[in-house]
Amino acid sequence: MKALIPRRVQIETVFGCPESCVMCAVHAPTGRTPGIMDIDTFNRIIANMKPWRDSIEMLDLVGLGEPLVDPTLTDKIIHAKREGFRNLAFTTNGVLLNDRRRNDILETGIETVIFSIYGSNQEIHDSVMITGHFDEIEHNIREMITLRDSRRHSTRFILIFIRQEANIDDWDNCVSRWWKHLNPTRRDMMIRYDRHSWGGVHKDFIDPWESACPSPCPVLSKRMTVLVDGTVPMCCMDAHRCRHRMGDIVRDDIATIYNNERFKDIRKRHEHGLMSSVPLCGTCTIHLSETSRITVS
């Protein structure tokens, strides 16, 4: 039987963030230690994945943390692209996106940079990102768009808006504020998702899994997450606590991990409608967030 290889791999280059957003799980209690993936670990991971690079359609350098905290981020992007990986992306809040970082990132030729936006004005923004930086973030994002356009870099920009109680009616205002700065001919877009429970971390934001979740969950057969130390959890929603340690991609290749008995057992449970028997899956609402997606492009 042909090995199952994830179409999308998400490498957490940083675990931790200097900012605080109400919908994020990064500051919730966890047994994990914040840190930055060292360049040697990253290079070993890329080497282990390289034989399967043609099957990996997307490579995200982000996890539960702010990628720009990592001073070696551009080195990692350059190395991954040199090794033949395609469709690289990372997500940022934009606070640390100074002049030098903007230029260095665009010079790597990265295909996509994703910005998180929280509100169309400072009051709404600060009710979601409680550490603030509204004007600074807007300035940094607009300057990067201008730099991209002036130098004809190929990078596209995606603005992500996570709808939640504090900004529930602000999506249209954000589109009006930002769409005029983007360029659809560069494949720029804006995407809205509803907030999710982070696999049950946010106990006050849980909907019944069985009522809406497709079976099996597509994340389990299409995406792999790698934590900052090389550990592979069950999925991106398992990044916070890593209840399911599926393997270590520093030591093992991607095919061995993604096709091991633990992954097979969890996929089988989903195929038989037994999602609630898997710790985390019964309180996960990522499926509802995905189906709420609205795109402007």
Protein backbone atom coordinates (compact mmCIF):
# COMPACT_ATOMS: atom_id res chain seq x y z
CA MET A 1 0.00 0.00 0.00
CA LYS A 2 1.27 3.46 -0.90
CA ALA A 3 2.37 5.54 2.10
CA LEU A 4 0.09 8.40 3.11
CA ILE A 5 2.02 11.69 2.98
CA PRO A 6 0.54 14.97 4.28
CA ARG A 7 -0.08 17.59 1.62
CA ARG A 8 0.66 20.34 4.12
CA VAL A 9 3.33 20.42 6.84
CA GLN A 10 3.33 23.02 9.59
CA ILE A 11 6.66 23.52 11.37
CA GLU A 12 6.49 25.43 14.63
CA THR A 13 9.67 27.51 14.53
CA VAL A 14 8.66 29.38 17.71
CA PHE A 15 6.59 28.32 20.70
CA GLY A 16 5.62 31.47 22.58
CA CYS A 17 4.58 35.03 21.85
CA PRO A 18 5.25 38.41 23.50
CA GLU A 19 1.67 39.51 22.73
CA SER A 20 -1.63 38.34 24.21
CA CYS A 21 -4.82 37.72 22.21
CA VAL A 22 -8.01 36.49 23.84
CA MET A 23 -8.68 33.68 21.34
CA CYS A 24 -5.13 32.25 21.36
CA ALA A 25 -4.00 29.29 23.46
CA VAL A 26 -0.31 30.19 23.60
CA HIS A 27 -0.48 31.55 27.17
CA ALA A 28 -2.86 28.90 28.52
CA PRO A 29 -1.39 26.43 31.06
CA THR A 30 0.74 23.78 29.37
CA GLY A 31 3.61 21.44 30.15
CA ARG A 32 5.57 22.70 27.15
CA THR A 33 8.54 25.09 27.43
CA PRO A 34 8.59 28.21 25.23
CA GLY A 35 11.49 28.40 22.82
CA ILE A 36 12.85 28.83 19.30
CA MET A 37 13.71 25.92 17.01
CA ASP A 38 17.48 25.99 16.44
CA ILE A 39 18.71 25.98 12.87
CA ASP A 40 20.34 22.52 13.14
CA THR A 41 17.06 20.95 14.23
CA PHE A 42 15.24 22.69 11.39
CA ASN A 43 17.79 21.52 8.84
CA ARG A 44 17.51 17.91 10.06
CA ILE A 45 13.73 18.08 9.75
CA ILE A 46 14.00 19.42 6.21
CA ALA A 47 16.47 16.65 5.35
CA ASN A 48 14.09 13.99 6.70
CA MET A 49 11.21 15.42 4.67
CA LYS A 50 13.16 16.02 1.47
CA PRO A 51 12.51 12.60 -0.13
CA TRP A 52 8.78 13.45 0.04
CA ARG A 53 8.97 17.10 -1.02
CA ASP A 54 7.06 16.50 -4.28
CA SER A 55 4.08 15.25 -2.26
CA ILE A 56 4.18 18.16 0.21
CA GLU A 57 2.24 20.95 -1.45
CA MET A 58 2.53 23.56 1.32
CA LEU A 59 5.06 24.26 4.07
CA ASP A 60 4.04 26.62 6.88
CA LEU A 61 6.71 27.94 9.25
CA VAL A 62 4.37 28.73 12.09
CA GLY A 63 2.78 27.02 15.05
CA LEU A 64 1.67 28.23 18.46
CA GLY A 65 3.89 31.30 18.50
CA GLU A 66 5.05 34.43 16.68
CA PRO A 67 7.56 33.50 13.92
CA LEU A 68 9.25 36.92 13.89
CA VAL A 69 10.62 36.24 17.38
CA ASP A 70 13.03 33.88 15.59
CA PRO A 71 16.15 35.75 14.37
CA THR A 72 16.92 32.85 11.98
CA LEU A 73 13.49 32.83 10.27
CA THR A 74 14.79 34.07 6.93
CA ASP A 75 17.66 31.55 7.01
CA LYS A 76 15.09 28.79 7.48
CA ILE A 77 12.95 30.05 4.60
CA ILE A 78 15.98 30.23 2.29
CA HIS A 79 17.14 26.75 3.26
CA ALA A 80 13.72 25.15 2.74
CA LYS A 81 13.34 26.77 -0.67
CA ARG A 82 16.88 25.75 -1.64
CA GLU A 83 15.99 22.15 -0.77
CA GLY A 84 13.07 22.28 -3.19
CA PHE A 85 10.07 22.89 -0.93
CA ARG A 86 7.33 25.06 -2.39
CA ASN A 87 4.45 27.25 -1.28
CA LEU A 88 6.10 28.44 1.92
CA ALA A 89 4.14 30.67 4.28
CA PHE A 90 4.07 31.99 7.82
CA THR A 91 1.53 33.92 9.90
CA THR A 92 2.43 36.99 11.96
CA ASN A 93 0.75 39.68 14.03
CA GLY A 94 3.11 42.20 12.41
CA VAL A 95 4.38 43.88 15.58
CA LEU A 96 8.05 42.97 14.95
CA LEU A 97 7.92 43.67 11.22
CA ASN A 98 10.46 46.51 11.10
CA ASP A 99 12.18 47.91 8.00
CA ARG A 100 14.96 45.31 7.98
CA ARG A 101 12.65 42.36 8.55
CA ARG A 102 10.26 43.49 5.83
CA ASN A 103 13.06 43.69 3.29
CA ASP A 104 14.78 40.46 4.36
CA ILE A 105 11.57 38.45 4.22
CA LEU A 106 10.62 39.67 0.75
CA GLU A 107 14.13 38.96 -0.51
CA THR A 108 13.74 35.27 0.41
CA GLY A 109 11.07 34.93 -2.27
CA ILE A 110 8.59 33.37 0.19
CA GLU A 111 5.31 32.72 -1.54
CA THR A 112 2.87 33.87 1.17
CA VAL A 113 2.87 36.04 4.28
CA ILE A 114 -0.30 35.93 6.39
CA PHE A 115 -1.20 38.81 8.69
CA SER A 116 -3.62 38.51 11.59
CA ILE A 117 -5.93 41.52 11.91
CA TYR A 118 -8.27 41.97 14.84
CA GLY A 119 -10.42 45.06 14.25
CA SER A 120 -11.00 48.11 12.08
CA ASN A 121 -10.26 50.56 14.90
CA GLN A 122 -8.13 50.67 18.01
CA GLU A 123 -10.96 50.00 20.45
CA ILE A 124 -12.01 46.76 18.76
CA HIS A 125 -8.42 45.72 18.06
CA ASP A 126 -7.40 46.20 21.70
CA SER A 127 -10.36 44.16 22.92
CA VAL A 128 -8.93 41.17 21.02
CA MET A 129 -5.17 41.81 21.13
CA ILE A 130 -5.02 43.15 24.66
CA THR A 131 -1.37 44.19 24.35
CA GLY A 132 -2.38 46.76 21.72
CA HIS A 133 -0.04 47.99 18.93
CA PHE A 134 -2.91 48.93 16.58
CA ASP A 135 -1.17 51.83 14.81
CA GLU A 136 2.18 50.02 14.72
CA ILE A 137 0.69 46.90 13.14
CA GLU A 138 -1.22 48.84 10.51
CA HIS A 139 1.89 50.82 9.62
CA ASN A 140 4.07 47.73 9.34
CA ILE A 141 1.62 45.82 7.15
CA ARG A 142 1.01 48.75 4.81
CA GLU A 143 4.73 49.43 4.49
CA MET A 144 5.36 45.81 3.55
CA ILE A 145 2.63 45.89 0.93
CA THR A 146 4.13 49.08 -0.51
CA LEU A 147 7.63 47.60 -0.53
CA ARG A 148 6.38 44.45 -2.27
CA ASP A 149 4.58 46.46 -4.94
CA SER A 150 7.46 48.89 -5.54
CA ARG A 151 10.02 46.14 -6.07
CA ARG A 152 7.74 43.65 -7.85
CA HIS A 153 8.38 40.87 -5.37
CA SER A 154 6.25 37.78 -5.97
CA THR A 155 5.03 37.33 -2.38
CA ARG A 156 1.29 37.43 -1.86
CA PHE A 157 -0.40 38.68 1.29
CA ILE A 158 -3.37 37.17 3.12
CA LEU A 159 -5.15 39.02 5.92
CA ILE A 160 -6.87 36.72 8.42
CA PHE A 161 -9.72 37.93 10.61
CA ILE A 162 -10.86 35.68 13.47
CA ARG A 163 -14.46 36.56 14.25
CA GLN A 164 -15.39 36.41 17.92
CA GLU A 165 -17.54 38.23 20.46
CA ALA A 166 -15.37 41.36 20.62
CA ASN A 167 -15.35 41.96 16.85
CA ILE A 168 -18.48 40.06 15.81
CA ASP A 169 -19.81 42.83 13.52
CA ASP A 170 -16.50 44.26 12.29
CA TRP A 171 -15.63 42.06 9.29
CA ASP A 172 -17.18 44.35 6.66
CA ASN A 173 -15.43 47.35 8.19
CA CYS A 174 -12.08 45.52 8.03
CA VAL A 175 -12.64 44.64 4.38
CA SER A 176 -13.40 48.28 3.60
CA ARG A 177 -10.31 49.42 5.47
CA TRP A 178 -7.85 46.91 3.99
CA TRP A 179 -8.98 45.62 0.59
CA LYS A 180 -7.97 48.84 -1.20
CA HIS A 181 -4.36 48.21 -0.16
CA LEU A 182 -4.25 44.65 -1.53
CA ASN A 183 -3.82 43.42 -5.09
CA PRO A 184 -5.96 40.53 -6.38
CA THR A 185 -3.69 40.16 -9.42
CA ARG A 186 -0.97 39.12 -6.93
CA ARG A 187 -3.44 36.61 -5.43
CA ASP A 188 -3.81 38.73 -2.27
CA MET A 189 -6.91 37.91 -0.26
CA MET A 190 -8.75 38.39 3.01
CA ILE A 191 -10.22 35.46 4.93
CA ARG A 192 -12.63 35.37 7.85
CA TYR A 193 -12.90 32.42 10.22
CA ASP A 194 -14.89 31.99 13.41
CA ARG A 195 -12.98 31.48 16.64
CA HIS A 196 -12.50 27.85 17.70
CA SER A 197 -11.86 26.05 21.00
CA TRP A 198 -8.22 25.00 20.44
CA GLY A 199 -9.21 21.39 21.02
CA GLY A 200 -11.03 22.21 24.24
CA VAL A 201 -8.46 24.59 25.75
CA HIS A 202 -11.13 27.29 25.71
CA LYS A 203 -13.78 25.49 27.74
CA ASP A 204 -16.32 28.30 27.29
CA PHE A 205 -16.27 27.91 23.52
CA ILE A 206 -17.21 24.31 22.77
CA ASP A 207 -19.91 23.01 20.45
CA PRO A 208 -20.88 19.34 20.11
CA TRP A 209 -18.40 17.65 17.77
CA GLU A 210 -20.80 15.07 16.41
CA SER A 211 -23.34 17.68 15.28
CA ALA A 212 -21.24 19.17 12.51
CA CYS A 213 -17.84 17.48 12.11
CA PRO A 214 -17.15 15.67 8.84
CA SER A 215 -16.03 12.11 9.34
CA PRO A 216 -13.18 11.56 9.21
CA CYS A 217 -11.57 14.89 10.12
CA PRO A 218 -9.61 15.92 6.99
CA VAL A 219 -6.73 17.33 9.05
CA LEU A 220 -5.69 13.80 10.05
CA SER A 221 -4.95 12.75 6.47
CA LYS A 222 -3.84 15.99 4.87
CA ARG A 223 -1.74 17.94 7.38
CA MET A 224 1.13 17.27 9.77
CA THR A 225 2.27 19.54 12.59
CA VAL A 226 5.84 19.58 13.90
CA LEU A 227 6.57 21.21 17.26
CA VAL A 228 9.60 23.31 18.08
CA ASP A 229 11.58 20.31 19.41
CA GLY A 230 10.68 18.05 16.47
CA THR A 231 7.82 16.25 18.21
CA VAL A 232 4.85 15.42 15.98
CA PRO A 233 1.49 15.80 17.76
CA MET A 234 -1.75 14.36 16.43
CA CYS A 235 -2.72 17.62 14.71
CA CYS A 236 -2.43 21.40 14.88
CA MET A 237 -5.07 21.50 17.64
CA ASP A 238 -2.87 19.18 19.73
CA ALA A 239 0.04 21.63 19.66
CA HIS A 240 -0.82 23.30 22.95
CA ARG A 241 -0.56 20.28 25.26
CA CYS A 242 0.64 17.56 22.91
CA ARG A 243 -1.56 14.87 24.42
CA HIS A 244 -0.79 12.57 21.50
CA ARG A 245 2.94 12.23 20.77
CA MET A 246 2.97 10.54 17.39
CA GLY A 247 6.72 10.63 16.73
CA ASP A 248 9.89 12.69 16.40
CA ILE A 249 10.66 13.94 12.92
CA VAL A 250 14.25 14.77 13.84
CA ARG A 251 14.88 11.01 14.14
CA ASP A 252 12.26 9.44 11.86
CA ASP A 253 11.10 10.20 8.34
CA ILE A 254 7.71 11.69 7.64
CA ALA A 255 6.26 8.56 6.01
CA THR A 256 7.12 6.34 9.00
CA ILE A 257 5.45 8.71 11.47
CA TYR A 258 2.36 9.54 9.41
CA ASN A 259 1.65 5.87 8.75
CA ASN A 260 2.37 4.48 12.22
CA GLU A 261 -0.17 2.47 14.21
CA ARG A 262 -1.18 5.41 16.42
CA PHE A 263 -2.18 7.57 13.45
CA LYS A 264 -3.95 4.61 11.83
CA ASP A 265 -5.95 3.92 14.99
CA ILE A 266 -7.12 7.53 15.32
CA ARG A 267 -8.08 7.73 11.63
CA LYS A 268 -9.99 4.45 11.98
CA ARG A 269 -11.94 5.81 14.95
CA HIS A 270 -12.90 8.85 12.90
CA GLU A 271 -13.93 6.69 9.96
CA HIS A 272 -16.31 4.82 12.28
CA GLY A 273 -17.75 7.99 13.81
CA LEU A 274 -15.97 7.53 17.15
CA MET A 275 -14.32 10.95 17.30
CA SER A 276 -15.32 11.51 20.93
CA SER A 277 -13.30 8.45 21.95
CA VAL A 278 -10.11 10.34 21.01
CA PRO A 279 -9.00 12.74 23.77
CA LEU A 280 -9.17 16.29 22.36
CA CYS A 281 -11.36 15.46 19.33
CA GLY A 282 -14.55 15.43 21.39
CA THR A 283 -14.07 19.08 22.39
CA CYS A 284 -12.54 20.39 19.16
CA THR A 285 -14.47 22.94 17.08
CA ILE A 286 -11.96 23.54 14.27
CA HIS A 287 -14.45 21.96 11.86
CA LEU A 288 -16.97 24.71 12.63
CA SER A 289 -14.32 27.39 12.15
CA GLU A 290 -13.34 25.92 8.78
CA THR A 291 -16.93 25.79 7.53
CA SER A 292 -17.46 29.45 8.57
CA ARG A 293 -14.76 30.61 6.16
CA ILE A 294 -15.52 33.66 4.01
CA THR A 295 -12.97 34.81 1.42
CA VAL A 296 -12.48 38.10 -0.42
CA SER A 297 -10.09 37.76 -3.35
